[in-house]
PDB file of N, CA and C in Angstrom:
ATOM      1  N   MET A   1      58.293-108.257-127.412  1.00  0.00           N
ATOM      2  CA  MET A   1      58.587-107.096-128.227  1.00  0.00           C
ATOM      3  C   MET A   1      59.694-107.399-129.228  1.00  0.00           C
ATOM      4  N   GLU A   2      60.696-108.133-128.801  1.00  0.00           N
ATOM      5  CA  GLU A   2      61.808-108.474-129.696  1.00  0.00           C
ATOM      6  C   GLU A   2      61.301-109.241-130.919  1.00  0.00           C
ATOM      7  N   GLU A   3      60.292-110.092-130.698  1.00  0.00           N
ATOM      8  CA  GLU A   3      59.719-110.868-131.805  1.00  0.00           C
ATOM      9  C   GLU A   3      59.091-109.948-132.851  1.00  0.00           C
ATOM     10  N   GLN A   4      58.351-108.926-132.386  1.00  0.00           N
ATOM     11  CA  GLN A   4      57.723-107.972-133.304  1.00  0.00           C
ATOM     12  C   GLN A   4      58.774-107.168-134.062  1.00  0.00           C
ATOM     13  N   ILE A   5      59.840-106.781-133.360  1.00  0.00           N
ATOM     14  CA  ILE A   5      60.917-106.014-133.999  1.00  0.00           C
ATOM     15  C   ILE A   5      61.532-106.825-135.125  1.00  0.00           C
ATOM     16  N   GLU A   6      61.761-108.099-134.856  1.00  0.00           N
ATOM     17  CA  GLU A   6      62.362-108.961-135.875  1.00  0.00           C
ATOM     18  C   GLU A   6      61.387-109.248-137.010  1.00  0.00           C
ATOM     19  N   LYS A   7      60.165-109.624-136.654  1.00  0.00           N
ATOM     20  CA  LYS A   7      59.158-109.976-137.661  1.00  0.00           C
ATOM     21  C   LYS A   7      58.863-108.825-138.613  1.00  0.00           C
ATOM     22  N   LEU A   8      58.788-107.602-138.062  1.00  0.00           N
ATOM     23  CA  LEU A   8      58.429-106.446-138.875  1.00  0.00           C
ATOM     24  C   LEU A   8      59.645-105.701-139.411  1.00  0.00           C
ATOM     25  N   GLU A   9      60.825-106.237-139.103  1.00  0.00           N
ATOM     26  CA  GLU A   9      62.084-105.643-139.557  1.00  0.00           C
ATOM     27  C   GLU A   9      62.178-104.173-139.161  1.00  0.00           C
ATOM     28  N   ILE A  10      61.859-103.892-137.899  1.00  0.00           N
ATOM     29  CA  ILE A  10      61.960-102.539-137.369  1.00  0.00           C
ATOM     30  C   ILE A  10      63.423-102.273-137.045  1.00  0.00           C
ATOM     31  N   LYS A  11      63.974-101.268-137.668  1.00  0.00           N
ATOM     32  CA  LYS A  11      65.381-100.927-137.459  1.00  0.00           C
ATOM     33  C   LYS A  11      65.498 -99.988-136.264  1.00  0.00           C
ATOM     34  N   CYS A  12      66.096-100.519-135.171  1.00  0.00           N
ATOM     35  CA  CYS A  12      66.261 -99.734-133.953  1.00  0.00           C
ATOM     36  C   CYS A  12      67.475-100.258-133.190  1.00  0.00           C
ATOM     37  N   GLU A  13      67.941 -99.461-132.246  1.00  0.00           N
ATOM     38  CA  GLU A  13      69.088 -99.861-131.441  1.00  0.00           C
ATOM     39  C   GLU A  13      68.703-100.938-130.429  1.00  0.00           C
ATOM     40  N   SER A  14      67.510-100.808-129.841  1.00  0.00           N
ATOM     41  CA  SER A  14      67.000-101.787-128.877  1.00  0.00           C
ATOM     42  C   SER A  14      65.502-101.568-128.728  1.00  0.00           C
ATOM     43  N   ALA A  15      64.850-102.480-128.008  1.00  0.00           N
ATOM     44  CA  ALA A  15      63.418-102.350-127.761  1.00  0.00           C
ATOM     45  C   ALA A  15      63.110-101.159-126.869  1.00  0.00           C
ATOM     46  N   ASP A  16      64.129-100.634-126.203  1.00  0.00           N
ATOM     47  CA  ASP A  16      63.946 -99.488-125.310  1.00  0.00           C
ATOM     48  C   ASP A  16      64.075 -98.142-126.017  1.00  0.00           C
ATOM     49  N   GLN A  17      64.482 -98.154-127.286  1.00  0.00           N
ATOM     50  CA  GLN A  17      64.643 -96.898-128.017  1.00  0.00           C
ATOM     51  C   GLN A  17      63.293 -96.213-128.190  1.00  0.00           C
ATOM     52  N   LYS A  18      63.271 -94.889-128.064  1.00  0.00           N
ATOM     53  CA  LYS A  18      62.035 -94.132-128.213  1.00  0.00           C
ATOM     54  C   LYS A  18      61.591 -94.144-129.670  1.00  0.00           C
ATOM     55  N   VAL A  19      60.301 -94.292-129.863  1.00  0.00           N
ATOM     56  CA  VAL A  19      59.736 -94.351-131.209  1.00  0.00           C
ATOM     57  C   VAL A  19      60.043 -93.073-131.987  1.00  0.00           C
ATOM     58  N   LYS A  20      60.017 -91.930-131.327  1.00  0.00           N
ATOM     59  CA  LYS A  20      60.260 -90.662-132.021  1.00  0.00           C
ATOM     60  C   LYS A  20      61.675 -90.571-132.586  1.00  0.00           C
ATOM     61  N   GLU A  21      62.582 -91.441-132.139  1.00  0.00           N
ATOM     62  CA  GLU A  21      63.956 -91.456-132.636  1.00  0.00           C
ATOM     63  C   GLU A  21      64.111 -92.324-133.889  1.00  0.00           C
ATOM     64  N   LEU A  22      63.066 -93.044-134.262  1.00  0.00           N
ATOM     65  CA  LEU A  22      63.121 -93.938-135.420  1.00  0.00           C
ATOM     66  C   LEU A  22      62.774 -93.188-136.702  1.00  0.00           C
ATOM     67  N   SER A  23      63.125 -93.792-137.829  1.00  0.00           N
ATOM     68  CA  SER A  23      62.745 -93.225-139.122  1.00  0.00           C
ATOM     69  C   SER A  23      61.226 -93.296-139.278  1.00  0.00           C
ATOM     70  N   GLY A  24      60.713 -92.539-140.247  1.00  0.00           N
ATOM     71  CA  GLY A  24      59.270 -92.519-140.486  1.00  0.00           C
ATOM     72  C   GLY A  24      58.685 -93.886-140.770  1.00  0.00           C
ATOM     73  N   GLY A  25      59.381 -94.659-141.598  1.00  0.00           N
ATOM     74  CA  GLY A  25      58.896 -96.000-141.933  1.00  0.00           C
ATOM     75  C   GLY A  25      58.858 -96.914-140.726  1.00  0.00           C
ATOM     76  N   ASN A  26      59.874 -96.814-139.887  1.00  0.00           N
ATOM     77  CA  ASN A  26      59.911 -97.642-138.686  1.00  0.00           C
ATOM     78  C   ASN A  26      58.873 -97.185-137.670  1.00  0.00           C
ATOM     79  N   GLN A  27      58.598 -95.890-137.623  1.00  0.00           N
ATOM     80  CA  GLN A  27      57.528 -95.397-136.754  1.00  0.00           C
ATOM     81  C   GLN A  27      56.180 -95.961-137.199  1.00  0.00           C
ATOM     82  N   GLN A  28      55.964 -95.988-138.513  1.00  0.00           N
ATOM     83  CA  GLN A  28      54.719 -96.540-139.049  1.00  0.00           C
ATOM     84  C   GLN A  28      54.585 -98.019-138.683  1.00  0.00           C
ATOM     85  N   LYS A  29      55.676 -98.763-138.811  1.00  0.00           N
ATOM     86  CA  LYS A  29      55.658-100.191-138.466  1.00  0.00           C
ATOM     87  C   LYS A  29      55.324-100.388-136.990  1.00  0.00           C
ATOM     88  N   VAL A  30      55.884 -99.540-136.131  1.00  0.00           N
ATOM     89  CA  VAL A  30      55.599 -99.639-134.694  1.00  0.00           C
ATOM     90  C   VAL A  30      54.118 -99.387-134.433  1.00  0.00           C
ATOM     91  N   CYS A  31      53.539 -98.397-135.079  1.00  0.00           N
ATOM     92  CA  CYS A  31      52.112 -98.099-134.901  1.00  0.00           C
ATOM     93  C   CYS A  31      51.242 -99.285-135.302  1.00  0.00           C
ATOM     94  N   ILE A  32      51.573 -99.889-136.425  1.00  0.00           N
ATOM     95  CA  ILE A  32      50.807-101.044-136.885  1.00  0.00           C
ATOM     96  C   ILE A  32      51.010-102.220-135.936  1.00  0.00           C
ATOM     97  N   ALA A  33      52.248-102.441-135.483  1.00  0.00           N
ATOM     98  CA  ALA A  33      52.535-103.527-134.543  1.00  0.00           C
ATOM     99  C   ALA A  33      51.738-103.363-133.250  1.00  0.00           C
ATOM    100  N   ARG A  34      51.670-102.143-132.748  1.00  0.00           N
ATOM    101  CA  ARG A  34      50.901-101.882-131.524  1.00  0.00           C
ATOM    102  C   ARG A  34      49.427-102.200-131.732  1.00  0.00           C
ATOM    103  N   ALA A  35      48.909-101.797-132.860  1.00  0.00           N
ATOM    104  CA  ALA A  35      47.494-102.044-133.144  1.00  0.00           C
ATOM    105  C   ALA A  35      47.210-103.540-133.248  1.00  0.00           C
ATOM    106  N   VAL A  36      48.125-104.269-133.852  1.00  0.00           N
ATOM    107  CA  VAL A  36      47.939-105.709-134.059  1.00  0.00           C
ATOM    108  C   VAL A  36      47.956-106.470-132.737  1.00  0.00           C
ATOM    109  N   LEU A  37      48.717-105.989-131.777  1.00  0.00           N
ATOM    110  CA  LEU A  37      48.817-106.675-130.484  1.00  0.00           C
ATOM    111  C   LEU A  37      47.478-106.799-129.785  1.00  0.00           C
ATOM    112  N   VAL A  38      46.556-105.878-130.048  1.00  0.00           N
ATOM    113  CA  VAL A  38      45.237-105.971-129.423  1.00  0.00           C
ATOM    114  C   VAL A  38      44.258-106.798-130.271  1.00  0.00           C
ATOM    115  N   ALA A  39      44.733-107.335-131.387  1.00  0.00           N
ATOM    116  CA  ALA A  39      43.938-108.197-132.274  1.00  0.00           C
ATOM    117  C   ALA A  39      42.560-107.608-132.589  1.00  0.00           C
ATOM    118  N   PRO A  40      42.538-106.449-133.227  1.00  0.00           N
ATOM    119  CA  PRO A  40      41.239-105.828-133.528  1.00  0.00           C
ATOM    120  C   PRO A  40      40.484-106.581-134.617  1.00  0.00           C
ATOM    121  N   LYS A  41      39.172-106.460-134.596  1.00  0.00           N
ATOM    122  CA  LYS A  41      38.360-107.031-135.672  1.00  0.00           C
ATOM    123  C   LYS A  41      38.409-106.111-136.883  1.00  0.00           C
ATOM    124  N   VAL A  42      38.507-104.792-136.613  1.00  0.00           N
ATOM    125  CA  VAL A  42      38.591-103.785-137.661  1.00  0.00           C
ATOM    126  C   VAL A  42      39.749-102.849-137.313  1.00  0.00           C
ATOM    127  N   LEU A  43      40.571-102.554-138.314  1.00  0.00           N
ATOM    128  CA  LEU A  43      41.702-101.652-138.136  1.00  0.00           C
ATOM    129  C   LEU A  43      41.601-100.549-139.185  1.00  0.00           C
ATOM    130  N   PHE A  44      41.575 -99.308-138.740  1.00  0.00           N
ATOM    131  CA  PHE A  44      41.538 -98.161-139.643  1.00  0.00           C
ATOM    132  C   PHE A  44      42.938 -97.582-139.729  1.00  0.00           C
ATOM    133  N   VAL A  45      43.448 -97.413-140.944  1.00  0.00           N
ATOM    134  CA  VAL A  45      44.755 -96.778-141.138  1.00  0.00           C
ATOM    135  C   VAL A  45      44.605 -95.681-142.184  1.00  0.00           C
ATOM    136  N   MET A  46      45.293 -94.574-141.932  1.00  0.00           N
ATOM    137  CA  MET A  46      45.205 -93.438-142.840  1.00  0.00           C
ATOM    138  C   MET A  46      46.580 -93.120-143.388  1.00  0.00           C
ATOM    139  N   GLU A  47      46.687 -93.116-144.704  1.00  0.00           N
ATOM    140  CA  GLU A  47      47.951 -92.827-145.395  1.00  0.00           C
ATOM    141  C   GLU A  47      49.115 -93.604-144.753  1.00  0.00           C
ATOM    142  N   PRO A  48      49.022 -94.934-144.725  1.00  0.00           N
ATOM    143  CA  PRO A  48      50.033 -95.727-144.005  1.00  0.00           C
ATOM    144  C   PRO A  48      51.437 -95.658-144.581  1.00  0.00           C
ATOM    145  N   THR A  49      51.582 -95.217-145.819  1.00  0.00           N
ATOM    146  CA  THR A  49      52.920 -95.192-146.421  1.00  0.00           C
ATOM    147  C   THR A  49      53.389 -93.782-146.762  1.00  0.00           C
ATOM    148  N   ARG A  50      52.676 -92.772-146.334  1.00  0.00           N
ATOM    149  CA  ARG A  50      53.070 -91.393-146.653  1.00  0.00           C
ATOM    150  C   ARG A  50      54.412 -91.061-145.998  1.00  0.00           C
ATOM    151  N   GLY A  51      55.334 -90.566-146.814  1.00  0.00           N
ATOM    152  CA  GLY A  51      56.607 -90.093-146.301  1.00  0.00           C
ATOM    153  C   GLY A  51      57.631 -91.160-145.965  1.00  0.00           C
ATOM    154  N   VAL A  52      57.399 -92.395-146.405  1.00  0.00           N
ATOM    155  CA  VAL A  52      58.370 -93.449-146.107  1.00  0.00           C
ATOM    156  C   VAL A  52      59.074 -93.889-147.383  1.00  0.00           C
ATOM    157  N   ASP A  53      60.255 -94.485-147.233  1.00  0.00           N
ATOM    158  CA  ASP A  53      60.993 -94.931-148.419  1.00  0.00           C
ATOM    159  C   ASP A  53      60.336 -96.160-149.024  1.00  0.00           C
ATOM    160  N   ILE A  54      60.744 -96.504-150.229  1.00  0.00           N
ATOM    161  CA  ILE A  54      60.099 -97.583-150.990  1.00  0.00           C
ATOM    162  C   ILE A  54      60.183 -98.932-150.276  1.00  0.00           C
ATOM    163  N   GLY A  55      61.299 -99.203-149.617  1.00  0.00           N
ATOM    164  CA  GLY A  55      61.438-100.470-148.892  1.00  0.00           C
ATOM    165  C   GLY A  55      60.452-100.570-147.747  1.00  0.00           C
ATOM    166  N   ALA A  56      60.335 -99.495-146.975  1.00  0.00           N
ATOM    167  CA  ALA A  56      59.386 -99.473-145.861  1.00  0.00           C
ATOM    168  C   ALA A  56      57.955 -99.522-146.390  1.00  0.00           C
ATOM    169  N   LYS A  57      57.703 -98.850-147.508  1.00  0.00           N
ATOM    170  CA  LYS A  57      56.371 -98.841-148.110  1.00  0.00           C
ATOM    171  C   LYS A  57      55.925-100.264-148.437  1.00  0.00           C
ATOM    172  N   GLU A  58      56.806-101.023-149.082  1.00  0.00           N
ATOM    173  CA  GLU A  58      56.480-102.399-149.442  1.00  0.00           C
ATOM    174  C   GLU A  58      56.224-103.250-148.201  1.00  0.00           C
ATOM    175  N   LYS A  59      57.052-103.086-147.185  1.00  0.00           N
ATOM    176  CA  LYS A  59      56.906-103.864-145.951  1.00  0.00           C
ATOM    177  C   LYS A  59      55.589-103.529-145.262  1.00  0.00           C
ATOM    178  N   ILE A  60      55.236-102.272-145.203  1.00  0.00           N
ATOM    179  CA  ILE A  60      53.987-101.859-144.558  1.00  0.00           C
ATOM    180  C   ILE A  60      52.779-102.433-145.299  1.00  0.00           C
ATOM    181  N   LEU A  61      52.784-102.355-146.618  1.00  0.00           N
ATOM    182  CA  LEU A  61      51.668-102.909-147.395  1.00  0.00           C
ATOM    183  C   LEU A  61      51.580-104.418-147.215  1.00  0.00           C
ATOM    184  N   ASP A  62      52.722-105.091-147.230  1.00  0.00           N
ATOM    185  CA  ASP A  62      52.738-106.540-146.999  1.00  0.00           C
ATOM    186  C   ASP A  62      52.200-106.884-145.616  1.00  0.00           C
ATOM    187  N   MET A  63      52.551-106.067-144.620  1.00  0.00           N
ATOM    188  CA  MET A  63      52.069-106.282-143.252  1.00  0.00           C
ATOM    189  C   MET A  63      50.555-106.194-143.192  1.00  0.00           C
ATOM    190  N   LEU A  64      49.985-105.213-143.852  1.00  0.00           N
ATOM    191  CA  LEU A  64      48.536-105.042-143.830  1.00  0.00           C
ATOM    192  C   LEU A  64      47.833-106.242-144.455  1.00  0.00           C
ATOM    193  N   VAL A  65      48.351-106.715-145.576  1.00  0.00           N
ATOM    194  CA  VAL A  65      47.767-107.888-146.236  1.00  0.00           C
ATOM    195  C   VAL A  65      47.890-109.113-145.325  1.00  0.00           C
ATOM    196  N   GLN A  66      49.035-109.274-144.706  1.00  0.00           N
ATOM    197  CA  GLN A  66      49.272-110.417-143.820  1.00  0.00           C
ATOM    198  C   GLN A  66      48.349-110.389-142.599  1.00  0.00           C
ATOM    199  N   ILE A  67      48.166-109.227-142.013  1.00  0.00           N
ATOM    200  CA  ILE A  67      47.266-109.088-140.858  1.00  0.00           C
ATOM    201  C   ILE A  67      45.852-109.498-141.252  1.00  0.00           C
ATOM    202  N   ASN A  68      45.424-109.070-142.416  1.00  0.00           N
ATOM    203  CA  ASN A  68      44.094-109.424-142.908  1.00  0.00           C
ATOM    204  C   ASN A  68      43.961-110.927-143.096  1.00  0.00           C
ATOM    205  N   ARG A  69      44.932-111.531-143.728  1.00  0.00           N
ATOM    206  CA  ARG A  69      44.862-112.963-144.021  1.00  0.00           C
ATOM    207  C   ARG A  69      45.007-113.831-142.780  1.00  0.00           C
ATOM    208  N   GLU A  70      45.976-113.503-141.929  1.00  0.00           N
ATOM    209  CA  GLU A  70      46.283-114.368-140.794  1.00  0.00           C
ATOM    210  C   GLU A  70      45.353-114.159-139.601  1.00  0.00           C
ATOM    211  N   GLN A  71      44.915-112.925-139.382  1.00  0.00           N
ATOM    212  CA  GLN A  71      44.103-112.642-138.205  1.00  0.00           C
ATOM    213  C   GLN A  71      42.637-112.400-138.549  1.00  0.00           C
ATOM    214  N   GLY A  72      42.338-112.308-139.829  1.00  0.00           N
ATOM    215  CA  GLY A  72      40.967-112.045-140.237  1.00  0.00           C
ATOM    216  C   GLY A  72      40.507-110.630-139.931  1.00  0.00           C
ATOM    217  N   THR A  73      41.459-109.746-139.692  1.00  0.00           N
ATOM    218  CA  THR A  73      41.140-108.355-139.385  1.00  0.00           C
ATOM    219  C   THR A  73      40.687-107.633-140.650  1.00  0.00           C
ATOM    220  N   THR A  74      39.563-106.954-140.563  1.00  0.00           N
ATOM    221  CA  THR A  74      39.126-106.089-141.656  1.00  0.00           C
ATOM    222  C   THR A  74      39.930-104.808-141.558  1.00  0.00           C
ATOM    223  N   ILE A  75      40.575-104.429-142.647  1.00  0.00           N
ATOM    224  CA  ILE A  75      41.421-103.235-142.633  1.00  0.00           C
ATOM    225  C   ILE A  75      40.833-102.207-143.593  1.00  0.00           C
ATOM    226  N   VAL A  76      40.542-101.039-143.056  1.00  0.00           N
ATOM    227  CA  VAL A  76      40.029 -99.934-143.850  1.00  0.00           C
ATOM    228  C   VAL A  76      41.187 -98.957-144.020  1.00  0.00           C
ATOM    229  N   VAL A  77      41.596 -98.761-145.280  1.00  0.00           N
ATOM    230  CA  VAL A  77      42.741 -97.917-145.574  1.00  0.00           C
ATOM    231  C   VAL A  77      42.266 -96.655-146.292  1.00  0.00           C
ATOM    232  N   ALA A  78      42.580 -95.509-145.718  1.00  0.00           N
ATOM    233  CA  ALA A  78      42.322 -94.231-146.385  1.00  0.00           C
ATOM    234  C   ALA A  78      43.645 -93.795-146.994  1.00  0.00           C
ATOM    235  N   SER A  79      43.661 -93.632-148.322  1.00  0.00           N
ATOM    236  CA  SER A  79      44.909 -93.292-148.990  1.00  0.00           C
ATOM    237  C   SER A  79      44.638 -92.537-150.273  1.00  0.00           C
ATOM    238  N   SER A  80      45.575 -91.678-150.631  1.00  0.00           N
ATOM    239  CA  SER A  80      45.498 -90.976-151.903  1.00  0.00           C
ATOM    240  C   SER A  80      46.306 -91.709-152.971  1.00  0.00           C
ATOM    241  N   GLU A  81      46.891 -92.838-152.607  1.00  0.00           N
ATOM    242  CA  GLU A  81      47.723 -93.631-153.516  1.00  0.00           C
ATOM    243  C   GLU A  81      46.895 -94.758-154.141  1.00  0.00           C
ATOM    244  N   LEU A  82      46.303 -94.485-155.296  1.00  0.00           N
ATOM    245  CA  LEU A  82      45.416 -95.454-155.940  1.00  0.00           C
ATOM    246  C   LEU A  82      46.119 -96.772-156.240  1.00  0.00           C
ATOM    247  N   GLU A  83      47.339 -96.733-156.729  1.00  0.00           N
ATOM    248  CA  GLU A  83      48.038 -97.975-157.072  1.00  0.00           C
ATOM    249  C   GLU A  83      48.252 -98.856-155.849  1.00  0.00           C
ATOM    250  N   GLU A  84      48.531 -98.254-154.714  1.00  0.00           N
ATOM    251  CA  GLU A  84      48.657 -99.021-153.473  1.00  0.00           C
ATOM    252  C   GLU A  84      47.327 -99.659-153.098  1.00  0.00           C
ATOM    253  N   LEU A  85      46.263 -98.877-153.199  1.00  0.00           N
ATOM    254  CA  LEU A  85      44.940 -99.415-152.873  1.00  0.00           C
ATOM    255  C   LEU A  85      44.573-100.571-153.791  1.00  0.00           C
ATOM    256  N   LYS A  86      44.887-100.430-155.076  1.00  0.00           N
ATOM    257  CA  LYS A  86      44.600-101.505-156.024  1.00  0.00           C
ATOM    258  C   LYS A  86      45.360-102.779-155.653  1.00  0.00           C
ATOM    259  N   ARG A  87      46.544-102.621-155.140  1.00  0.00           N
ATOM    260  CA  ARG A  87      47.384-103.764-154.797  1.00  0.00           C
ATOM    261  C   ARG A  87      46.882-104.528-153.569  1.00  0.00           C
ATOM    262  N   ILE A  88      46.332-103.836-152.582  1.00  0.00           N
ATOM    263  CA  ILE A  88      46.009-104.499-151.320  1.00  0.00           C
ATOM    264  C   ILE A  88      44.515-104.631-151.020  1.00  0.00           C
ATOM    265  N   SER A  89      43.661-104.056-151.839  1.00  0.00           N
ATOM    266  CA  SER A  89      42.233-103.986-151.501  1.00  0.00           C
ATOM    267  C   SER A  89      41.385-105.021-152.212  1.00  0.00           C
ATOM    268  N   ASP A  90      40.280-105.382-151.541  1.00  0.00           N
ATOM    269  CA  ASP A  90      39.250-106.219-152.160  1.00  0.00           C
ATOM    270  C   ASP A  90      38.281-105.343-152.949  1.00  0.00           C
ATOM    271  N   ARG A  91      38.072-104.141-152.439  1.00  0.00           N
ATOM    272  CA  ARG A  91      37.224-103.156-153.112  1.00  0.00           C
ATOM    273  C   ARG A  91      37.665-101.769-152.658  1.00  0.00           C
ATOM    274  N   ILE A  92      37.387-100.795-153.501  1.00  0.00           N
ATOM    275  CA  ILE A  92      37.847 -99.430-153.243  1.00  0.00           C
ATOM    276  C   ILE A  92      36.641 -98.499-153.289  1.00  0.00           C
ATOM    277  N   ALA A  93      36.400 -97.833-152.179  1.00  0.00           N
ATOM    278  CA  ALA A  93      35.327 -96.839-152.110  1.00  0.00           C
ATOM    279  C   ALA A  93      35.938 -95.485-152.460  1.00  0.00           C
ATOM    280  N   VAL A  94      35.389 -94.851-153.473  1.00  0.00           N
ATOM    281  CA  VAL A  94      35.893 -93.552-153.923  1.00  0.00           C
ATOM    282  C   VAL A  94      34.932 -92.468-153.435  1.00  0.00           C
ATOM    283  N   PHE A  95      35.508 -91.477-152.773  1.00  0.00           N
ATOM    284  CA  PHE A  95      34.725 -90.353-152.284  1.00  0.00           C
ATOM    285  C   PHE A  95      35.053 -89.114-153.099  1.00  0.00           C
ATOM    286  N   CYS A  96      34.036 -88.324-153.365  1.00  0.00           N
ATOM    287  CA  CYS A  96      34.216 -87.063-154.086  1.00  0.00           C
ATOM    288  C   CYS A  96      33.423 -85.998-153.332  1.00  0.00           C
ATOM    289  N   GLU A  97      34.116 -84.937-152.943  1.00  0.00           N
ATOM    290  CA  GLU A  97      33.505 -83.838-152.210  1.00  0.00           C
ATOM    291  C   GLU A  97      32.748 -84.332-150.976  1.00  0.00           C
ATOM    292  N   GLY A  98      33.344 -85.295-150.250  1.00  0.00           N
ATOM    293  CA  GLY A  98      32.773 -85.786-149.004  1.00  0.00           C
ATOM    294  C   GLY A  98      31.649 -86.788-149.145  1.00  0.00           C
ATOM    295  N   LYS A  99      31.337 -87.181-150.375  1.00  0.00           N
ATOM    296  CA  LYS A  99      30.250 -88.138-150.604  1.00  0.00           C
ATOM    297  C   LYS A  99      30.782 -89.367-151.324  1.00  0.00           C
ATOM    298  N   LEU A 100      30.191 -90.517-151.001  1.00  0.00           N
ATOM    299  CA  LEU A 100      30.569 -91.745-151.684  1.00  0.00           C
ATOM    300  C   LEU A 100      30.197 -91.639-153.148  1.00  0.00           C
ATOM    301  N   SER A 101      31.183 -91.772-154.007  1.00  0.00           N
ATOM    302  CA  SER A 101      30.961 -91.685-155.445  1.00  0.00           C
ATOM    303  C   SER A 101      30.664 -93.069-156.011  1.00  0.00           C
ATOM    304  N   GLN A 102      31.596 -94.011-155.781  1.00  0.00           N
ATOM    305  CA  GLN A 102      31.429 -95.380-156.277  1.00  0.00           C
ATOM    306  C   GLN A 102      32.259 -96.336-155.440  1.00  0.00           C
ATOM    307  N   ILE A 103      31.879 -97.603-155.465  1.00  0.00           N
ATOM    308  CA  ILE A 103      32.695 -98.673-154.900  1.00  0.00           C
ATOM    309  C   ILE A 103      33.102 -99.548-156.077  1.00  0.00           C
ATOM    310  N   LEU A 104      34.407 -99.672-156.274  1.00  0.00           N
ATOM    311  CA  LEU A 104      34.929-100.374-157.440  1.00  0.00           C
ATOM    312  C   LEU A 104      35.862-101.505-157.030  1.00  0.00           C
ATOM    313  N   PRO A 105      35.935-102.548-157.868  1.00  0.00           N
ATOM    314  CA  PRO A 105      36.941-103.591-157.613  1.00  0.00           C
ATOM    315  C   PRO A 105      38.322-103.051-157.982  1.00  0.00           C
ATOM    316  N   PRO A 106      39.379-103.584-157.380  1.00  0.00           N
ATOM    317  CA  PRO A 106      40.718-103.052-157.659  1.00  0.00           C
ATOM    318  C   PRO A 106      41.162-103.214-159.108  1.00  0.00           C
ATOM    319  N   ASP A 107      40.555-104.152-159.828  1.00  0.00           N
ATOM    320  CA  ASP A 107      40.946-104.363-161.218  1.00  0.00           C
ATOM    321  C   ASP A 107      40.061-103.588-162.203  1.00  0.00           C
ATOM    322  N   ALA A 108      39.246-102.666-161.682  1.00  0.00           N
ATOM    323  CA  ALA A 108      38.412-101.846-162.566  1.00  0.00           C
ATOM    324  C   ALA A 108      39.320-100.981-163.443  1.00  0.00           C
ATOM    325  N   PRO A 109      38.886-100.701-164.666  1.00  0.00           N
ATOM    326  CA  PRO A 109      39.694 -99.864-165.563  1.00  0.00           C
ATOM    327  C   PRO A 109      39.905 -98.464-164.988  1.00  0.00           C
ATOM    328  N   ASP A 110      41.021 -97.870-165.322  1.00  0.00           N
ATOM    329  CA  ASP A 110      41.349 -96.526-164.846  1.00  0.00           C
ATOM    330  C   ASP A 110      40.265 -95.511-165.202  1.00  0.00           C
ATOM    331  N   GLU A 111      39.580 -95.706-166.331  1.00  0.00           N
ATOM    332  CA  GLU A 111      38.529 -94.780-166.740  1.00  0.00           C
ATOM    333  C   GLU A 111      37.407 -94.742-165.703  1.00  0.00           C
ATOM    334  N   LYS A 112      37.068 -95.901-165.143  1.00  0.00           N
ATOM    335  CA  LYS A 112      36.009 -95.943-164.124  1.00  0.00           C
ATOM    336  C   LYS A 112      36.429 -95.163-162.878  1.00  0.00           C
ATOM    337  N   PHE A 113      37.702 -95.285-162.513  1.00  0.00           N
ATOM    338  CA  PHE A 113      38.200 -94.520-161.367  1.00  0.00           C
ATOM    339  C   PHE A 113      38.179 -93.026-161.679  1.00  0.00           C
ATOM    340  N   ALA A 114      38.525 -92.660-162.907  1.00  0.00           N
ATOM    341  CA  ALA A 114      38.529 -91.250-163.293  1.00  0.00           C
ATOM    342  C   ALA A 114      37.127 -90.662-163.152  1.00  0.00           C
ATOM    343  N   PHE A 115      36.116 -91.380-163.603  1.00  0.00           N
ATOM    344  CA  PHE A 115      34.735 -90.908-163.459  1.00  0.00           C
ATOM    345  C   PHE A 115      34.361 -90.813-161.983  1.00  0.00           C
ATOM    346  N   ALA A 116      34.754 -91.816-161.195  1.00  0.00           N
ATOM    347  CA  ALA A 116      34.418 -91.827-159.769  1.00  0.00           C
ATOM    348  C   ALA A 116      35.071 -90.647-159.043  1.00  0.00           C
ATOM    349  N   PHE A 117      36.324 -90.330-159.398  1.00  0.00           N
ATOM    350  CA  PHE A 117      37.029 -89.219-158.746  1.00  0.00           C
ATOM    351  C   PHE A 117      36.336 -87.889-158.982  1.00  0.00           C
ATOM    352  N   THR A 118      35.663 -87.754-160.117  1.00  0.00           N
ATOM    353  CA  THR A 118      34.972 -86.503-160.430  1.00  0.00           C
ATOM    354  C   THR A 118      33.519 -86.520-159.971  1.00  0.00           C
ATOM    355  N   GLY A 119      33.061 -87.669-159.476  1.00  0.00           N
ATOM    356  CA  GLY A 119      31.688 -87.782-159.016  1.00  0.00           C
ATOM    357  C   GLY A 119      30.692 -87.992-160.132  1.00  0.00           C
ATOM    358  N   GLU A 120      31.198 -88.244-161.336  1.00  0.00           N
ATOM    359  CA  GLU A 120      30.321 -88.444-162.487  1.00  0.00           C
ATOM    360  C   GLU A 120      30.017 -89.929-162.678  1.00  0.00           C
ATOM    361  N   GLU A 121      28.885 -90.179-163.260  1.00  0.00           N
ATOM    362  CA  GLU A 121      28.523 -91.535-163.647  1.00  0.00           C
ATOM    363  C   GLU A 121      29.069 -91.777-165.052  1.00  0.00           C
ATOM    364  N   GLU A 122      29.591 -92.980-165.264  1.00  0.00           N
ATOM    365  CA  GLU A 122      30.045 -93.310-166.619  1.00  0.00           C
ATOM    366  C   GLU A 122      28.811 -93.488-167.502  1.00  0.00           C
ATOM    367  N   ARG A 123      28.859 -92.856-168.662  1.00  0.00           N
ATOM    368  CA  ARG A 123      27.723 -92.958-169.586  1.00  0.00           C
ATOM    369  C   ARG A 123      28.039 -94.006-170.659  1.00  0.00           C
ATOM    370  N   ASP A 124      26.982 -94.645-171.133  1.00  0.00           N
ATOM    371  CA  ASP A 124      27.161 -95.604-172.226  1.00  0.00           C
ATOM    372  C   ASP A 124      27.732 -94.876-173.423  1.00  0.00           C
ATOM    373  N   GLY A 125      28.717 -95.488-174.062  1.00  0.00           N
ATOM    374  CA  GLY A 125      29.313 -94.916-175.249  1.00  0.00           C
ATOM    375  C   GLY A 125      30.427 -93.924-174.942  1.00  0.00           C
ATOM    376  N   GLN A 126      30.717 -93.694-173.678  1.00  0.00           N
ATOM    377  CA  GLN A 126      31.791 -92.761-173.315  1.00  0.00           C
ATOM    378  C   GLN A 126      32.846 -93.469-172.504  1.00  0.00           C
TER     379      GLN A 126
END
């Protein structure tokens, strides 16, 4: 456990400290650390950086990328933060009104994402 605390830079008094006593960012890191210990083939995370400070946000995103690269874990991230998704994703599935609108590469132009968010198809000449 001490290794995970150090590796993930979890700020706590000791390994015995209750998770609910930690900051939001450190709680998120603990959740991800717990999931990684079981070495899943697929890891689903929802809004992994919501409510955390910028430093914790960067660390959490870096952790997800590292888990994918080092363990080969497929990570499915549900997030309303498009810029974060663009930074860490191989492809981004956009849903509109509960239906898959489009699957786009992270480097797709913002206009394509705008059309996908509304559920519209991009038309030639527009």
